[in-house]
Protein backbone atom coordinates (compact mmCIF):
# COMPACT_ATOMS: atom_id res chain seq x y z
CA MET A 1 -62.81 -143.04 -0.17
CA GLU A 2 -65.22 -140.33 -1.29
CA GLN A 3 -67.76 -139.07 1.22
CA PHE A 4 -70.63 -136.66 0.72
CA ARG A 5 -73.86 -135.62 2.38
CA ILE A 6 -77.33 -135.69 0.81
CA GLU A 7 -80.81 -134.59 1.76
CA VAL A 8 -83.61 -136.94 0.75
CA ALA A 9 -87.37 -136.72 0.87
CA ASP A 10 -88.85 -138.55 3.82
CA ASN A 11 -92.17 -138.56 5.62
CA LYS A 12 -90.77 -135.77 7.81
CA PRO A 13 -91.59 -132.18 6.84
CA PHE A 14 -87.98 -131.14 6.15
CA GLY A 15 -86.49 -134.31 4.72
CA ARG A 16 -83.60 -136.30 6.08
CA PHE A 17 -79.84 -135.80 5.89
CA LEU A 18 -77.65 -138.83 5.25
CA ASN A 19 -73.92 -139.33 4.86
CA ILE A 20 -72.79 -141.42 1.91
CA LYS A 21 -69.43 -143.17 1.54
CA ALA A 22 -68.37 -144.62 -1.81
CA ILE A 23 -66.78 -147.99 -1.09
CA LYS A 24 -66.43 -149.60 -4.53
CA ASN A 25 -67.53 -149.06 -8.07
CA LYS A 26 -71.20 -148.00 -7.75
CA GLN A 27 -71.46 -149.24 -4.14
CA TYR A 28 -72.19 -146.83 -1.33
CA GLN A 29 -72.63 -147.13 2.43
CA ILE A 30 -75.42 -145.07 3.96
CA TYR A 31 -75.01 -143.49 7.41
CA ASP A 32 -77.48 -141.54 9.54
CA ASP A 33 -76.68 -138.40 11.56
CA ARG A 34 -75.38 -140.51 14.44
CA GLN A 35 -72.85 -142.07 12.03
CA GLU A 36 -74.55 -145.46 12.28
CA ARG A 37 -74.53 -147.44 9.05
CA ILE A 38 -78.11 -148.05 8.01
CA GLY A 39 -77.38 -149.92 4.79
CA THR A 40 -75.46 -150.32 1.58
CA ILE A 41 -76.72 -149.59 -1.91
CA GLU A 42 -75.31 -150.76 -5.24
CA ILE A 43 -76.46 -148.95 -8.34
CA ASP A 44 -76.90 -151.15 -11.42
CA LYS A 45 -74.29 -150.21 -14.03
CA GLU A 46 -76.53 -151.26 -16.91
CA ASP A 47 -79.76 -149.60 -15.78
CA ARG A 48 -79.31 -146.73 -13.36
CA ARG A 49 -82.99 -146.90 -12.36
CA HIS A 50 -82.27 -150.17 -10.56
CA CYS A 51 -80.31 -150.75 -7.41
CA ARG A 52 -79.68 -153.44 -4.83
CA GLN A 53 -79.61 -153.02 -1.09
CA SER A 54 -77.75 -154.95 1.56
CA LEU A 55 -79.62 -157.57 3.56
CA ASP A 56 -79.17 -155.56 6.74
CA CYS A 57 -80.49 -152.35 5.14
CA LYS A 58 -82.76 -150.35 7.47
CA VAL A 59 -84.17 -148.20 4.67
CA ASP A 60 -87.54 -148.72 3.02
CA LEU A 61 -87.81 -148.93 -0.77
CA THR A 62 -89.23 -145.42 -1.26
CA LEU A 63 -86.41 -143.83 0.72
CA LEU A 64 -83.87 -146.08 -1.01
CA ASN A 65 -85.04 -144.80 -4.40
CA SER A 66 -84.62 -141.20 -3.19
CA ILE A 67 -81.12 -142.04 -1.97
CA ARG A 68 -80.28 -143.60 -5.35
CA ASP A 69 -81.54 -140.49 -7.18
CA SER A 70 -79.49 -138.20 -4.92
CA ILE A 71 -76.34 -140.29 -5.45
CA LEU A 72 -76.84 -140.19 -9.22
CA LEU A 73 -77.34 -136.41 -9.08
CA HIS A 74 -74.16 -136.06 -7.04
CA GLU A 75 -72.23 -138.16 -9.60
CA GLU A 76 -73.54 -136.03 -12.48
CA GLN A 77 -72.49 -132.84 -10.69
CA GLU A 78 -69.02 -134.25 -10.03
CA LEU A 79 -68.62 -135.11 -13.73
CA ALA A 80 -69.76 -131.64 -14.76
CA ILE A 81 -67.11 -130.04 -12.53
CA LYS A 82 -64.27 -132.11 -14.03
């Protein structure tokens, strides 16, 4: 299971760090600094601008979009390295 850390824009001056765990094809669990799961995101395979969140997700839509963008950037960097 791949894990990585991202920094996303938030309403805080310095952003927010989150831990991401890939669980399935295009599905990722989102954890805060206390290692509490705050949601799950699934990126649409057909249109990468769309994503779905879990029903118990504690992340607002704006932050979720930033998380999606950071995950996509991480994936692109991983492909460039290979």
